[in-house]
Amino acid sequence: MLAEIGETSNPINASAIVMDARNSDVLAMANWPPVNLDDLSDASSEDLLNTGTSYTYEPGSTFKAITVASALETGTVTPTSTFTLAPSIQVYDRTIEESHPRGTVTLDVGDILAQSSNVGAVTIGLEMGGQKFSRWIDRFGFGQQTGIDFPGEEQGIVLPYSDWSGSTIGNVPIGQGLAVTPIQMVQAYGALANGGVLRPPRLIEKIDGQEVPEAKGHRIIKPEVAAEVRDMLKGVLAPGGTASEVSVPGYTLAGKTGTAQVATEDGYSDTKYVASFVGVAPADDPAIVVSIMVNQPQGAHTGGEVAAPGFGELASFTLPYLGVPTDQ
């Protein structure tokens, strides 16, 4: 699957991770471009990095699920909260617009996720407030290593609230102005999948026949909030959602697309993007969490076009392989 994405999109690099949602065991982790481990003479130091744990990127709209989960847990919104949203929103010196032009609309929180509304996510972030949201970003594990047993793990880049500017609350709710690793996104969505417990991913099951204990983790959101967010994320793969063409017969899927402009010295690029998708399946009783990150694909560049179909492929293979019963 990742090789197909690499050959089709020719990105700088790409990562795919599959984690068991029930115990946070990493079932698969792959990078692109591949490296010949039998001959490393031509490999650079960057070639040898594990993209899933060592590459940092702006998550874009995949982060909106974290924004919504934080707002639900703090009581800032409920699943039925609705917002009348103008085509753009001004936050200090920054004007945030949608990815596609539209008129004024009224959307509930689930619609904001399904349609990936930037204006809606920023509106929710403003309702929550920067200081409170900053604490929730920390609670979800961003800006910290997950602790996975793999050398060279990066911690991402998250500004402390004391360094936020006025417009930061216009960036962060839509996944800009912070950097994450693919494994951090898997860990965070793992909490949405398992009922609200943030648990470090486990890479090694046994050493010399001795079981490596599963990390117990700690609760960060209530089970009902985790279920509410997953229910909303079903809409991303339903008609009208940003990944509506992805499906796996017999299973209900949930997840979020991301299409993040790459930050450059001159601001955000209009030609370079990171396409990503983070999803869980089955949606109501998750068995797997999947992350796909594609850095600067050529041609098609959105998360829905480039990354989401790979989630469908991985889910269609992994769920029957694990013996997960169908839910439809």
Protein backbone atom coordinates (compact mmCIF):
# COMPACT_ATOMS: atom_id res chain seq x y z
CA MET A 1 0.00 0.00 0.00
CA LEU A 2 2.68 2.54 1.01
CA ALA A 3 4.84 1.56 -1.97
CA GLU A 4 1.85 2.25 -4.22
CA ILE A 5 1.39 5.69 -2.66
CA GLY A 6 5.11 6.35 -3.04
CA GLU A 7 5.18 5.37 -6.69
CA THR A 8 1.99 7.27 -7.53
CA SER A 9 2.60 10.46 -5.55
CA ASN A 10 6.43 10.56 -5.41
CA PRO A 11 6.51 12.30 -2.00
CA ILE A 12 9.64 13.29 -0.10
CA ASN A 13 8.73 10.66 2.50
CA ALA A 14 5.72 8.82 3.85
CA SER A 15 4.69 6.74 6.84
CA ALA A 16 2.02 4.17 7.63
CA ILE A 17 1.31 2.80 11.12
CA VAL A 18 -1.27 0.26 12.29
CA MET A 19 -1.84 -0.08 16.05
CA ASP A 20 -4.11 -2.44 17.96
CA ALA A 21 -6.66 -0.13 19.60
CA ARG A 22 -7.34 -2.61 22.39
CA ASN A 23 -3.84 -2.81 23.87
CA SER A 24 -1.80 -0.21 21.91
CA ASP A 25 0.48 -2.83 20.35
CA VAL A 26 2.05 -1.58 17.12
CA LEU A 27 1.11 -4.18 14.50
CA ALA A 28 2.90 -2.61 11.54
CA MET A 29 5.05 0.42 10.77
CA ALA A 30 6.48 1.24 7.35
CA ASN A 31 8.39 4.07 5.67
CA TRP A 32 8.78 5.31 2.13
CA PRO A 33 11.18 5.55 0.32
CA PRO A 34 12.50 2.10 1.23
CA VAL A 35 16.08 1.46 2.28
CA ASN A 36 18.08 -1.63 1.37
CA LEU A 37 19.10 -2.86 4.81
CA ASP A 38 21.56 -5.30 3.24
CA ASP A 39 23.58 -2.42 1.77
CA LEU A 40 23.58 0.88 3.64
CA SER A 41 26.63 2.32 1.87
CA ASP A 42 24.55 4.80 -0.12
CA ALA A 43 22.04 5.58 2.63
CA SER A 44 22.05 9.03 4.20
CA SER A 45 21.32 9.69 7.85
CA GLU A 46 17.85 10.93 6.85
CA ASP A 47 17.23 7.68 4.96
CA LEU A 48 17.81 5.76 8.18
CA LEU A 49 15.31 7.74 10.25
CA ASN A 50 12.08 5.97 11.12
CA THR A 51 9.57 8.44 9.71
CA GLY A 52 6.78 7.23 11.98
CA THR A 53 8.62 8.20 15.15
CA SER A 54 11.21 10.75 14.03
CA TYR A 55 9.57 12.97 11.41
CA THR A 56 7.65 16.04 12.57
CA TYR A 57 4.96 17.74 10.50
CA GLU A 58 1.98 20.03 10.95
CA PRO A 59 -1.05 17.72 11.28
CA GLY A 60 -3.58 20.00 9.64
CA SER A 61 -7.19 18.95 9.88
CA THR A 62 -6.51 15.58 11.54
CA PHE A 63 -5.96 17.73 14.66
CA LYS A 64 -9.57 18.96 14.56
CA ALA A 65 -10.65 15.74 16.27
CA ILE A 66 -8.43 16.74 19.22
CA THR A 67 -9.96 20.23 19.22
CA VAL A 68 -13.48 18.80 19.31
CA ALA A 69 -12.65 16.15 21.94
CA SER A 70 -11.15 18.82 24.20
CA ALA A 71 -14.16 21.09 23.74
CA LEU A 72 -16.60 18.26 24.51
CA GLU A 73 -14.68 17.17 27.61
CA THR A 74 -14.55 20.73 28.98
CA GLY A 75 -18.24 21.32 28.30
CA THR A 76 -17.45 24.07 25.80
CA VAL A 77 -19.73 22.36 23.27
CA THR A 78 -22.10 19.42 23.13
CA PRO A 79 -22.62 17.11 20.14
CA THR A 80 -25.73 19.11 19.21
CA SER A 81 -24.13 22.57 19.48
CA THR A 82 -24.61 24.55 16.26
CA PHE A 83 -22.71 27.53 14.91
CA THR A 84 -23.54 30.04 12.19
CA LEU A 85 -20.28 30.34 10.30
CA ALA A 86 -19.30 33.12 7.92
CA PRO A 87 -17.05 32.28 4.93
CA SER A 88 -14.02 33.43 6.95
CA ILE A 89 -13.06 34.44 10.47
CA GLN A 90 -10.63 37.12 11.64
CA VAL A 91 -8.34 36.34 14.59
CA TYR A 92 -6.14 39.34 15.31
CA ASP A 93 -3.94 39.78 12.20
CA ARG A 94 -4.95 36.47 10.61
CA THR A 95 -7.91 35.73 8.34
CA ILE A 96 -8.87 32.04 8.29
CA GLU A 97 -10.86 30.79 5.33
CA GLU A 98 -12.24 27.43 4.27
CA SER A 99 -10.34 25.23 1.83
CA HIS A 100 -13.17 25.82 -0.67
CA PRO A 101 -15.27 28.99 -1.04
CA ARG A 102 -18.77 28.86 0.47
CA GLY A 103 -21.45 31.16 1.79
CA THR A 104 -22.59 31.53 5.40
CA VAL A 105 -23.78 28.19 6.81
CA THR A 106 -25.05 26.73 10.07
CA LEU A 107 -23.22 23.57 11.11
CA ASP A 108 -23.27 21.38 14.19
CA VAL A 109 -20.05 20.02 15.68
CA GLY A 110 -20.26 16.78 13.71
CA ASP A 111 -20.72 18.71 10.45
CA ILE A 112 -17.66 20.79 11.28
CA LEU A 113 -15.59 17.61 11.46
CA ALA A 114 -17.20 15.85 8.50
CA GLN A 115 -16.79 18.87 6.22
CA SER A 116 -13.45 19.82 7.83
CA SER A 117 -14.51 23.41 8.43
CA ASN A 118 -11.57 25.62 9.37
CA VAL A 119 -13.86 28.45 10.45
CA GLY A 120 -15.86 26.04 12.60
CA ALA A 121 -12.82 24.54 14.31
CA VAL A 122 -11.38 27.99 15.05
CA THR A 123 -14.76 29.12 16.39
CA ILE A 124 -14.76 26.16 18.79
CA GLY A 125 -11.17 26.93 19.79
CA LEU A 126 -12.07 30.56 20.54
CA GLU A 127 -15.02 29.40 22.66
CA MET A 128 -12.68 27.15 24.65
CA GLY A 129 -9.95 29.75 25.01
CA GLY A 130 -6.24 29.45 24.38
CA GLN A 131 -5.06 28.73 27.90
CA LYS A 132 -7.51 25.88 28.41
CA PHE A 133 -6.85 24.41 24.95
CA SER A 134 -3.08 24.57 25.50
CA ARG A 135 -3.49 22.35 28.56
CA TRP A 136 -5.49 19.82 26.52
CA ILE A 137 -2.86 19.69 23.81
CA ASP A 138 -0.42 18.68 26.55
CA ARG A 139 -2.89 16.14 27.99
CA PHE A 140 -3.18 14.42 24.62
CA GLY A 141 0.59 13.89 24.65
CA PHE A 142 1.72 16.41 22.07
CA GLY A 143 5.10 18.04 22.59
CA GLN A 144 6.26 14.93 24.47
CA GLN A 145 7.76 11.62 23.39
CA THR A 146 5.29 8.74 23.49
CA GLY A 147 7.98 6.52 25.03
CA ILE A 148 7.80 3.91 22.27
CA ASP A 149 10.81 1.57 22.32
CA PHE A 150 12.43 2.96 19.20
CA PRO A 151 15.61 5.08 19.17
CA GLY A 152 15.58 8.68 18.03
CA GLU A 153 11.95 9.46 18.79
CA GLU A 154 11.13 13.14 18.36
CA GLN A 155 8.79 15.03 20.68
CA GLY A 156 7.27 17.38 18.13
CA ILE A 157 7.00 21.15 18.53
CA VAL A 158 4.33 22.68 20.76
CA LEU A 159 4.59 26.24 22.01
CA PRO A 160 3.93 26.74 25.72
CA TYR A 161 0.94 28.98 26.30
CA SER A 162 3.24 31.75 27.55
CA ASP A 163 4.66 31.98 24.01
CA TRP A 164 1.31 32.08 22.20
CA SER A 165 0.53 35.21 20.20
CA GLY A 166 -2.97 36.57 19.71
CA SER A 167 -3.42 34.70 16.44
CA THR A 168 -2.17 31.32 17.73
CA ILE A 169 -5.72 30.33 18.67
CA GLY A 170 -6.54 30.86 14.99
CA ASN A 171 -3.86 28.36 13.95
CA VAL A 172 -3.73 25.55 16.47
CA PRO A 173 -7.38 24.34 16.36
CA ILE A 174 -6.89 23.54 12.65
CA GLY A 175 -3.53 21.82 13.17
CA GLN A 176 -1.21 24.67 12.20
CA GLY A 177 1.48 26.27 14.34
CA LEU A 178 2.49 22.98 16.00
CA ALA A 179 4.31 19.89 14.81
CA VAL A 180 3.61 16.25 15.64
CA THR A 181 4.94 12.82 14.75
CA PRO A 182 2.81 10.08 13.17
CA ILE A 183 3.16 7.95 16.32
CA GLN A 184 1.85 10.83 18.47
CA MET A 185 -1.25 11.03 16.29
CA VAL A 186 -1.73 7.26 16.61
CA GLN A 187 -1.42 7.51 20.40
CA ALA A 188 -3.93 10.41 20.57
CA TYR A 189 -6.48 8.71 18.33
CA GLY A 190 -5.86 5.57 20.36
CA ALA A 191 -7.41 7.39 23.30
CA LEU A 192 -10.45 8.19 21.15
CA ALA A 193 -10.60 4.52 20.13
CA ASN A 194 -10.20 2.84 23.52
CA GLY A 195 -12.64 4.89 25.55
CA GLY A 196 -10.45 7.78 26.66
CA VAL A 197 -7.16 6.34 27.97
CA LEU A 198 -3.88 7.75 26.66
CA ARG A 199 -1.55 4.76 26.47
CA PRO A 200 1.99 4.63 25.02
CA PRO A 201 2.26 2.40 21.93
CA ARG A 202 4.05 -0.90 22.60
CA LEU A 203 6.53 -2.02 19.97
CA ILE A 204 8.12 -5.03 21.69
CA GLU A 205 6.01 -7.83 23.15
CA LYS A 206 8.74 -10.07 24.59
CA ILE A 207 12.47 -9.96 25.27
CA ASP A 208 14.17 -13.34 25.77
CA GLY A 209 10.77 -14.88 26.41
CA GLN A 210 9.89 -12.32 29.06
CA GLU A 211 6.73 -10.33 28.41
CA VAL A 212 7.17 -6.56 28.17
CA PRO A 213 4.32 -5.20 30.30
CA GLU A 214 1.60 -3.24 28.56
CA ALA A 215 1.55 0.38 29.65
CA LYS A 216 -1.55 1.11 31.71
CA GLY A 217 -1.78 4.70 30.55
CA HIS A 218 -4.09 7.24 32.14
CA ARG A 219 -7.59 8.50 31.44
CA ILE A 220 -7.78 11.87 29.71
CA ILE A 221 -11.40 11.95 28.51
CA LYS A 222 -14.61 10.22 29.49
CA PRO A 223 -15.69 7.11 27.54
CA GLU A 224 -18.83 8.87 26.34
CA VAL A 225 -16.79 11.76 24.91
CA ALA A 226 -14.53 9.33 23.05
CA ALA A 227 -17.63 7.62 21.63
CA GLU A 228 -19.18 10.96 20.64
CA VAL A 229 -16.06 11.98 18.70
CA ARG A 230 -15.87 8.61 16.93
CA ASP A 231 -19.53 8.94 16.00
CA MET A 232 -18.82 12.36 14.48
CA LEU A 233 -15.77 11.02 12.63
CA LYS A 234 -18.01 8.51 10.85
CA GLY A 235 -19.31 11.50 8.91
CA VAL A 236 -15.90 12.06 7.32
CA LEU A 237 -16.37 8.78 5.40
CA ALA A 238 -20.10 9.27 4.78
CA PRO A 239 -21.65 11.11 1.80
CA GLY A 240 -20.59 14.75 1.98
CA GLY A 241 -17.51 13.97 4.05
CA THR A 242 -13.93 14.61 2.95
CA ALA A 243 -13.21 10.87 2.53
CA SER A 244 -16.63 9.75 1.33
CA GLU A 245 -15.22 7.42 -1.36
CA VAL A 246 -13.47 5.19 1.21
CA SER A 247 -15.35 2.18 2.60
CA VAL A 248 -14.77 -1.39 3.74
CA PRO A 249 -17.71 -3.77 3.20
CA GLY A 250 -19.14 -4.95 6.51
CA TYR A 251 -17.43 -2.36 8.69
CA THR A 252 -18.23 1.18 9.81
CA LEU A 253 -15.17 3.42 9.66
CA ALA A 254 -14.25 6.67 11.41
CA GLY A 255 -11.35 9.02 10.83
CA LYS A 256 -10.14 12.41 9.72
CA THR A 257 -8.39 13.75 6.65
CA GLY A 258 -5.60 16.30 6.83
CA THR A 259 -4.21 18.58 4.11
CA ALA A 260 -1.60 20.87 5.67
CA GLN A 261 0.27 23.58 3.80
CA VAL A 262 4.02 23.27 4.36
CA ALA A 263 5.51 26.17 6.34
CA THR A 264 8.37 27.94 4.55
CA GLU A 265 10.49 31.01 5.27
CA ASP A 266 7.98 33.07 3.28
CA GLY A 267 4.90 31.70 5.04
CA TYR A 268 2.65 28.78 4.15
CA SER A 269 3.23 27.34 0.69
CA ASP A 270 0.44 27.23 -1.88
CA THR A 271 2.09 24.33 -3.74
CA LYS A 272 3.55 22.06 -1.04
CA TYR A 273 1.32 19.99 1.25
CA VAL A 274 1.36 17.16 3.76
CA ALA A 275 -1.55 14.80 3.10
CA SER A 276 -2.61 12.57 5.98
CA PHE A 277 -5.36 10.45 7.41
CA VAL A 278 -5.84 9.03 10.91
CA GLY A 279 -8.66 6.57 11.43
CA VAL A 280 -10.14 3.86 13.62
CA ALA A 281 -12.11 0.74 12.74
CA PRO A 282 -14.66 -0.52 13.45
CA ALA A 283 -15.97 2.85 14.55
CA ASP A 284 -18.19 1.70 17.44
CA ASP A 285 -15.84 -0.93 18.90
CA PRO A 286 -12.40 -0.11 17.50
CA ALA A 287 -9.81 -2.82 16.93
CA ILE A 288 -7.23 -0.77 15.00
CA VAL A 289 -5.90 2.75 14.72
CA VAL A 290 -4.21 3.70 11.44
CA SER A 291 -2.08 6.70 10.53
CA ILE A 292 -0.94 7.55 7.00
CA MET A 293 1.27 10.60 6.39
CA VAL A 294 2.47 11.60 2.91
CA ASN A 295 4.92 14.50 2.79
CA GLN A 296 4.62 16.71 -0.29
CA PRO A 297 2.89 14.40 -2.78
CA GLN A 298 3.04 15.35 -6.44
CA GLY A 299 -0.21 15.76 -8.35
CA ALA A 300 -3.21 15.06 -6.11
CA HIS A 301 -2.38 16.50 -2.71
CA THR A 302 -5.35 16.29 -0.32
CA GLY A 303 -5.66 13.84 2.55
CA GLY A 304 -8.89 12.53 1.06
CA GLU A 305 -7.26 11.77 -2.30
CA VAL A 306 -3.79 10.63 -1.25
CA ALA A 307 -3.95 9.13 2.27
CA ALA A 308 -7.54 8.06 3.01
CA PRO A 309 -7.68 5.29 0.36
CA GLY A 310 -4.64 3.69 2.02
CA PHE A 311 -6.58 3.58 5.29
CA GLY A 312 -9.34 1.72 3.47
CA GLU A 313 -6.84 -0.78 2.05
CA LEU A 314 -5.18 -1.41 5.41
CA ALA A 315 -8.51 -1.77 7.22
CA SER A 316 -9.89 -4.16 4.60
CA PHE A 317 -6.90 -6.45 5.09
CA THR A 318 -6.25 -6.07 8.82
CA LEU A 319 -9.76 -6.42 10.24
CA PRO A 320 -10.48 -9.87 8.75
CA TYR A 321 -6.90 -10.94 9.46
CA LEU A 322 -7.42 -10.15 13.16
CA GLY A 323 -10.78 -11.93 13.11
CA VAL A 324 -12.74 -8.78 13.89
CA PRO A 325 -16.43 -9.48 13.28
CA THR A 326 -18.33 -7.29 10.86
CA ASP A 327 -20.66 -4.70 12.35
CA GLN A 328 -23.05 -4.18 9.48
